[in-house]
């Protein structure tokens, strides 16, 4: 009754290949996107934009890029923070050294530079996989951290190594308020989510999933591991590089190499695992979980009337946060996206769900 495809007939291949073939899915996605663009700017306050919504959108974009690599292609990566740093420093140097270059265009070029770096560090995936690939990408994280902290050209020879982002303008329109920054990040998130959705449903996405499930069988049926793995690293790094530029320019405004350390890589990997591997929606759900849970745990003592020190709250927050992640992975190892799919299946069978 609530969620069924009964009566939805498709007479052409084009109708069967649309992004959201079920009418209820299309209406729901359109409603969510419309509310995000036209409702949230009038309902949220500046704190919500700066502390919750903008970080959530940027981290969702980075988690989406990582999910394309880990969830769809099965290539484990622990260097996501380093690729975000590539996007951030590339965007900064492009705007600094190319006169008149629009920052929004610089974000895309920064994603392209991150793509080249991702392909370079993705070459070992042709010979190694699993734990050994994770170690190789972790080495890439440490190498990129060293590059941006030691080679002063990337930081324009600033003594402290801290950088300040220039204002973001587009045809004399400046993204200088929390609402405008939120709409900019939302636009990037929506466009890249639709791009990812189309990629995973096409030939490239099917080759990624074949390599993930069984690379030997995929090679036997004609899928080239070289092309599949390197294309996954390239697309993933592009998404992550753009997210890194947005994180530096829009969210932080002023940053240093520690903003993209290995903790950022682990945080994004947790988002993908908790949200759901191999799921576009799971990237957003995992980012929401990781973004909102620490804020909730930080505010919980005040709501309960407990007067604890900041250090104690910080330590308890880390302990509870880690315990909840482990508990959630035990209860639902397939992530939040799996819970969403189960809910839709029960709606299909209502009033007799099992």
Protein backbone atom coordinates (compact mmCIF):
# COMPACT_ATOMS: atom_id res chain seq x y z
CA UNK A 1 0.00 0.00 0.00
CA UNK A 2 2.68 2.50 1.00
CA UNK A 3 5.55 1.44 -1.24
CA UNK A 4 4.75 -0.81 -4.17
CA UNK A 5 5.52 -0.92 -7.85
CA UNK A 6 2.09 -2.31 -8.79
CA UNK A 7 0.70 -0.49 -11.81
CA UNK A 8 4.03 1.08 -12.80
CA UNK A 9 4.63 -0.19 -16.31
CA UNK A 10 7.68 0.66 -18.41
CA UNK A 11 7.29 0.38 -22.16
CA UNK A 12 10.77 1.49 -23.25
CA UNK A 13 14.36 0.73 -22.31
CA UNK A 14 14.89 4.40 -21.49
CA UNK A 15 12.05 4.31 -18.95
CA UNK A 16 13.54 1.21 -17.37
CA UNK A 17 17.01 2.79 -17.11
CA UNK A 18 16.07 6.03 -15.34
CA UNK A 19 17.99 6.84 -12.17
CA UNK A 20 14.97 6.20 -9.90
CA UNK A 21 12.63 3.78 -11.71
CA UNK A 22 10.10 3.60 -8.85
CA UNK A 23 7.77 6.59 -8.68
CA UNK A 24 7.81 6.79 -4.88
CA UNK A 25 11.62 6.97 -4.89
CA UNK A 26 11.59 9.85 -7.37
CA UNK A 27 9.02 11.82 -5.39
CA UNK A 28 10.89 11.23 -2.14
CA UNK A 29 14.27 12.32 -3.54
CA UNK A 30 12.78 15.39 -5.20
CA UNK A 31 11.03 16.35 -1.95
CA UNK A 32 14.23 15.95 0.10
CA UNK A 33 16.32 17.97 -2.36
CA UNK A 34 13.66 20.69 -2.63
CA UNK A 35 13.42 20.94 1.16
CA UNK A 36 17.21 21.09 1.44
CA UNK A 37 17.41 23.97 -1.04
CA UNK A 38 14.30 25.96 -0.16
CA UNK A 39 13.33 24.93 3.37
CA UNK A 40 16.51 24.49 5.38
CA UNK A 41 17.92 28.02 4.65
CA UNK A 42 14.87 29.52 6.37
CA UNK A 43 14.76 27.12 9.31
CA UNK A 44 18.39 26.61 10.41
CA UNK A 45 20.47 29.12 12.37
CA UNK A 46 24.13 30.06 11.68
CA UNK A 47 25.38 27.51 14.23
CA UNK A 48 23.59 24.68 12.45
CA UNK A 49 25.08 25.74 9.13
CA UNK A 50 28.66 26.14 10.37
CA UNK A 51 28.89 23.25 12.84
CA UNK A 52 26.57 20.61 11.36
CA UNK A 53 25.18 21.07 7.86
CA UNK A 54 28.27 22.28 5.98
CA UNK A 55 30.63 19.68 7.53
CA UNK A 56 28.01 16.98 6.92
CA UNK A 57 27.70 17.81 3.21
CA UNK A 58 31.45 18.01 2.61
CA UNK A 59 32.18 14.81 4.51
CA UNK A 60 29.33 13.11 2.64
CA UNK A 61 31.02 14.03 -0.63
CA UNK A 62 34.36 12.65 0.59
CA UNK A 63 32.70 9.48 1.93
CA UNK A 64 30.93 9.07 -1.40
CA UNK A 65 34.25 9.14 -3.21
CA UNK A 66 35.75 6.62 -0.79
CA UNK A 67 32.69 4.38 -1.11
CA UNK A 68 33.14 4.21 -4.88
CA UNK A 69 36.61 2.80 -4.29
CA UNK A 70 36.06 0.61 -1.23
CA UNK A 71 32.38 -0.32 -1.47
CA UNK A 72 31.96 -0.71 -5.22
CA UNK A 73 35.45 -1.72 -6.37
CA UNK A 74 36.67 -3.45 -3.20
CA UNK A 75 40.00 -1.58 -3.03
CA UNK A 76 40.75 -0.68 0.59
CA UNK A 77 42.19 2.80 1.11
CA UNK A 78 43.51 4.49 4.24
CA UNK A 79 44.87 7.56 2.46
CA UNK A 80 41.68 9.55 2.05
CA UNK A 81 42.89 12.40 4.25
CA UNK A 82 45.99 12.77 2.08
CA UNK A 83 43.91 13.00 -1.09
CA UNK A 84 41.73 15.63 0.57
CA UNK A 85 44.92 17.55 1.35
CA UNK A 86 45.94 17.32 -2.32
CA UNK A 87 42.64 18.93 -3.32
CA UNK A 88 42.94 21.66 -0.69
CA UNK A 89 46.53 22.65 -1.46
CA UNK A 90 46.01 22.33 -5.21
CA UNK A 91 43.01 24.69 -5.06
CA UNK A 92 44.98 27.15 -2.93
CA UNK A 93 47.98 27.22 -5.26
CA UNK A 94 45.81 27.43 -8.36
CA UNK A 95 43.98 30.49 -7.04
CA UNK A 96 47.28 31.99 -5.87
CA UNK A 97 49.41 31.41 -8.96
CA UNK A 98 46.85 31.62 -11.80
CA UNK A 99 45.60 35.23 -12.00
CA UNK A 100 41.85 35.61 -12.37
CA UNK A 101 41.04 31.92 -11.88
CA UNK A 102 37.62 31.47 -10.32
CA UNK A 103 37.79 29.46 -7.06
CA UNK A 104 34.92 27.23 -8.18
CA UNK A 105 36.86 26.33 -11.32
CA UNK A 106 39.93 25.84 -9.15
CA UNK A 107 37.99 23.27 -7.10
CA UNK A 108 37.39 21.17 -10.22
CA UNK A 109 41.00 21.48 -11.37
CA UNK A 110 42.09 20.52 -7.85
CA UNK A 111 39.93 17.42 -8.18
CA UNK A 112 41.73 16.69 -11.45
CA UNK A 113 45.13 16.99 -9.77
CA UNK A 114 43.93 14.68 -6.99
CA UNK A 115 42.86 12.26 -9.74
CA UNK A 116 46.41 12.10 -11.10
CA UNK A 117 47.81 11.55 -7.59
CA UNK A 118 45.19 8.88 -6.93
CA UNK A 119 46.12 7.02 -10.13
CA UNK A 120 49.80 7.18 -9.15
CA UNK A 121 49.17 5.67 -5.72
CA UNK A 122 46.59 3.27 -7.17
CA UNK A 123 49.18 1.50 -9.33
CA UNK A 124 50.16 -0.87 -6.47
CA UNK A 125 46.56 -2.16 -6.48
CA UNK A 126 47.39 -3.97 -9.71
CA UNK A 127 49.70 -6.33 -7.82
CA UNK A 128 48.52 -6.28 -4.19
CA UNK A 129 45.16 -6.25 -2.46
CA UNK A 130 43.50 -6.54 0.93
CA UNK A 131 45.63 -5.77 3.95
CA UNK A 132 48.73 -5.06 1.85
CA UNK A 133 46.86 -2.48 -0.24
CA UNK A 134 45.60 -0.83 2.94
CA UNK A 135 49.20 -0.51 4.16
CA UNK A 136 50.28 0.93 0.80
CA UNK A 137 47.57 3.61 0.87
CA UNK A 138 48.43 4.36 4.50
CA UNK A 139 52.01 4.96 3.35
CA UNK A 140 50.60 7.38 0.77
CA UNK A 141 48.85 9.23 3.61
CA UNK A 142 52.09 9.63 5.56
CA UNK A 143 54.00 10.64 2.42
CA UNK A 144 51.49 13.36 1.51
CA UNK A 145 51.49 14.62 5.11
CA UNK A 146 55.28 14.96 4.90
CA UNK A 147 55.13 16.72 1.51
CA UNK A 148 52.69 19.42 2.61
CA UNK A 149 54.38 20.03 5.95
CA UNK A 150 58.00 20.07 4.70
CA UNK A 151 57.94 21.48 1.17
CA UNK A 152 57.22 25.16 1.75
CA UNK A 153 56.32 25.92 -1.85
CA UNK A 154 52.88 24.40 -1.29
CA UNK A 155 52.27 26.79 1.63
CA UNK A 156 53.70 29.82 -0.21
CA UNK A 157 56.66 29.87 2.21
CA UNK A 158 54.58 30.91 5.21
CA UNK A 159 56.60 30.47 8.44
CA UNK A 160 53.77 28.77 10.36
CA UNK A 161 52.53 26.60 7.51
CA UNK A 162 48.98 27.85 8.10
CA UNK A 163 47.01 29.05 5.08
CA UNK A 164 44.03 31.36 4.69
CA UNK A 165 41.61 30.72 1.86
CA UNK A 166 40.66 33.56 -0.50
CA UNK A 167 37.00 34.60 -0.83
CA UNK A 168 34.85 32.43 -3.07
CA UNK A 169 33.14 34.48 -5.77
CA UNK A 170 31.13 33.60 -8.86
CA UNK A 171 30.17 36.42 -11.24
CA UNK A 172 30.41 39.06 -8.48
CA UNK A 173 28.40 36.82 -6.14
CA UNK A 174 30.38 36.07 -2.99
CA UNK A 175 29.77 33.01 -0.84
CA UNK A 176 30.50 34.79 2.42
CA UNK A 177 27.54 33.87 4.64
CA UNK A 178 26.69 30.51 6.25
CA UNK A 179 23.57 30.16 4.09
CA UNK A 180 25.45 30.78 0.86
CA UNK A 181 28.24 28.40 1.85
CA UNK A 182 25.64 25.77 2.68
CA UNK A 183 23.94 26.15 -0.69
CA UNK A 184 27.31 25.90 -2.45
CA UNK A 185 28.17 22.65 -0.64
CA UNK A 186 24.65 21.32 -1.22
CA UNK A 187 24.94 21.99 -4.94
CA UNK A 188 28.22 20.08 -5.13
CA UNK A 189 26.80 17.19 -3.07
CA UNK A 190 23.67 16.82 -5.22
CA UNK A 191 25.53 17.00 -8.55
CA UNK A 192 28.24 14.54 -7.48
CA UNK A 193 25.70 12.16 -5.94
CA UNK A 194 23.78 12.03 -9.23
CA UNK A 195 27.05 11.54 -11.10
CA UNK A 196 28.02 8.67 -8.82
CA UNK A 197 24.56 7.13 -9.13
CA UNK A 198 24.85 7.06 -12.90
CA UNK A 199 28.42 5.77 -12.84
CA UNK A 200 27.68 2.74 -10.66
CA UNK A 201 24.68 1.81 -12.82
CA UNK A 202 26.70 1.88 -16.03
CA UNK A 203 29.44 -0.19 -17.59
CA UNK A 204 32.15 1.29 -15.38
CA UNK A 205 30.22 0.55 -12.21
CA UNK A 206 29.50 -3.01 -13.26
CA UNK A 207 33.20 -3.59 -13.95
CA UNK A 208 34.04 -2.22 -10.48
CA UNK A 209 31.60 -4.56 -8.81
CA UNK A 210 32.86 -7.53 -10.83
CA UNK A 211 36.41 -6.82 -9.68
CA UNK A 212 35.16 -6.47 -6.11
CA UNK A 213 33.28 -9.78 -6.11
CA UNK A 214 35.94 -11.92 -7.85
CA UNK A 215 38.73 -10.31 -9.82
CA UNK A 216 39.90 -13.54 -11.47
CA UNK A 217 36.44 -14.33 -12.84
CA UNK A 218 36.03 -10.72 -13.95
CA UNK A 219 39.26 -10.91 -15.93
CA UNK A 220 38.15 -14.18 -17.54
CA UNK A 221 34.93 -12.61 -18.87
CA UNK A 222 36.87 -9.73 -20.43
CA UNK A 223 37.05 -7.02 -17.76
CA UNK A 224 40.50 -5.43 -17.60
CA UNK A 225 41.68 -5.11 -13.97
CA UNK A 226 44.10 -2.33 -14.96
CA UNK A 227 41.33 -0.14 -16.33
CA UNK A 228 38.78 -1.00 -13.64
CA UNK A 229 41.03 -0.45 -10.62
CA UNK A 230 42.75 2.68 -11.87
CA UNK A 231 39.44 4.22 -12.99
CA UNK A 232 38.06 3.57 -9.50
CA UNK A 233 41.07 5.28 -7.93
CA UNK A 234 40.74 8.16 -10.40
CA UNK A 235 37.03 8.83 -9.86
CA UNK A 236 37.32 8.35 -6.10
CA UNK A 237 40.27 10.74 -5.88
CA UNK A 238 38.42 13.35 -7.94
CA UNK A 239 35.48 13.31 -5.55
CA UNK A 240 37.76 13.38 -2.51
CA UNK A 241 39.93 16.16 -3.95
CA UNK A 242 36.92 18.41 -4.54
CA UNK A 243 35.71 17.61 -1.02
CA UNK A 244 39.15 18.55 0.36
CA UNK A 245 39.05 21.90 -1.43
CA UNK A 246 35.58 22.59 -0.05
CA UNK A 247 36.67 21.53 3.44
CA UNK A 248 39.58 23.97 3.38
CA UNK A 249 37.93 26.92 1.62
CA UNK A 250 34.34 26.72 2.85
CA UNK A 251 34.42 25.04 6.25
CA UNK A 252 37.84 25.78 7.75
CA UNK A 253 38.86 29.01 6.04
CA UNK A 254 42.29 28.67 7.65
CA UNK A 255 44.07 25.33 7.87
CA UNK A 256 47.36 23.50 8.29
CA UNK A 257 48.54 19.99 7.31
CA UNK A 258 47.18 18.46 10.53
CA UNK A 259 43.66 19.17 9.26
CA UNK A 260 44.10 16.25 6.84
CA UNK A 261 45.99 13.76 8.96
CA UNK A 262 45.43 10.02 9.27
CA UNK A 263 42.56 10.57 11.74
CA UNK A 264 40.58 12.12 8.89
CA UNK A 265 41.18 8.99 6.81
CA UNK A 266 39.97 6.69 9.58
CA UNK A 267 36.93 8.89 10.21
CA UNK A 268 35.89 8.70 6.55
CA UNK A 269 36.41 4.94 6.50
CA UNK A 270 34.14 4.64 9.55
CA UNK A 271 31.49 6.68 7.70
CA UNK A 272 31.55 4.29 4.77
CA UNK A 273 31.43 1.18 6.95
CA UNK A 274 28.65 2.45 9.22
CA UNK A 275 26.62 3.94 6.39
CA UNK A 276 26.91 0.87 4.19
CA UNK A 277 29.51 -0.34 1.72
CA UNK A 278 28.42 -0.13 -1.90
CA UNK A 279 25.60 2.35 -1.27
CA UNK A 280 25.24 5.99 -2.36
CA UNK A 281 22.73 6.62 0.40
CA UNK A 282 25.01 4.91 2.91
CA UNK A 283 27.68 7.56 2.37
CA UNK A 284 25.27 10.28 3.50
CA UNK A 285 23.89 8.22 6.39
CA UNK A 286 27.38 7.41 7.65
CA UNK A 287 28.45 11.05 7.44
CA UNK A 288 25.36 12.09 9.38
CA UNK A 289 26.07 9.47 12.05
CA UNK A 290 29.72 10.47 12.50
CA UNK A 291 28.91 14.21 12.42
CA UNK A 292 25.93 14.27 14.77
CA UNK A 293 26.88 11.65 17.35
CA UNK A 294 29.89 13.52 18.84
CA UNK A 295 27.80 16.70 19.11
CA UNK A 296 25.03 14.77 20.85
CA UNK A 297 27.43 13.12 23.28
CA UNK A 298 29.09 16.47 24.01
CA UNK A 299 25.77 18.11 24.88
CA UNK A 300 24.29 15.17 26.80
CA UNK A 301 25.88 15.98 30.23
CA UNK A 302 24.49 19.52 30.09
CA UNK A 303 21.02 18.22 29.24
CA UNK A 304 21.21 15.82 32.20
CA UNK A 305 22.38 18.57 34.55
CA UNK A 306 25.82 17.03 35.10
CA UNK A 307 28.67 19.46 35.70
CA UNK A 308 31.68 17.63 34.32
CA UNK A 309 35.00 19.06 33.22
CA UNK A 310 35.75 19.55 29.55
CA UNK A 311 38.56 16.97 29.66
CA UNK A 312 36.30 14.32 31.22
CA UNK A 313 33.56 14.98 28.67
CA UNK A 314 36.10 14.70 25.85
CA UNK A 315 37.43 11.35 27.11
CA UNK A 316 33.94 9.93 27.73
CA UNK A 317 32.86 11.13 24.31
CA UNK A 318 35.69 9.19 22.64
CA UNK A 319 34.99 6.06 24.68
CA UNK A 320 31.24 6.07 24.10
CA UNK A 321 31.69 6.94 20.45
CA UNK A 322 34.03 4.00 19.89
CA UNK A 323 31.81 1.60 21.83
CA UNK A 324 28.75 2.63 19.82
CA UNK A 325 30.61 2.08 16.55
CA UNK A 326 31.64 -1.44 17.60
CA UNK A 327 28.12 -2.22 18.87
CA UNK A 328 26.53 -0.98 15.69
CA UNK A 329 28.89 -2.99 13.50
CA UNK A 330 28.01 -6.13 15.47
CA UNK A 331 24.25 -5.53 15.30
CA UNK A 332 24.12 -4.42 11.65
CA UNK A 333 27.41 -5.06 9.81
CA UNK A 334 25.91 -4.02 6.47
CA UNK A 335 25.33 -0.47 7.65
CA UNK A 336 22.48 1.98 7.95
CA UNK A 337 21.67 1.61 4.26
CA UNK A 338 20.73 -2.02 4.95
CA UNK A 339 18.21 -0.88 7.56
CA UNK A 340 16.70 1.46 4.99
CA UNK A 341 16.40 -1.35 2.45
CA UNK A 342 14.77 -3.62 5.04
CA UNK A 343 12.25 -0.89 5.86
CA UNK A 344 11.31 -0.54 2.18
CA UNK A 345 10.90 -4.31 1.85
CA UNK A 346 8.54 -4.35 4.82
CA UNK A 347 6.50 -1.56 3.27
CA UNK A 348 6.20 -3.61 0.09
CA UNK A 349 4.69 -6.49 2.10
CA UNK A 350 2.51 -4.38 4.41
CA UNK A 351 0.25 -5.30 6.22
CA UNK A 352 2.03 -8.66 6.41
CA UNK A 353 5.74 -7.80 6.96
CA UNK A 354 8.03 -10.52 8.20
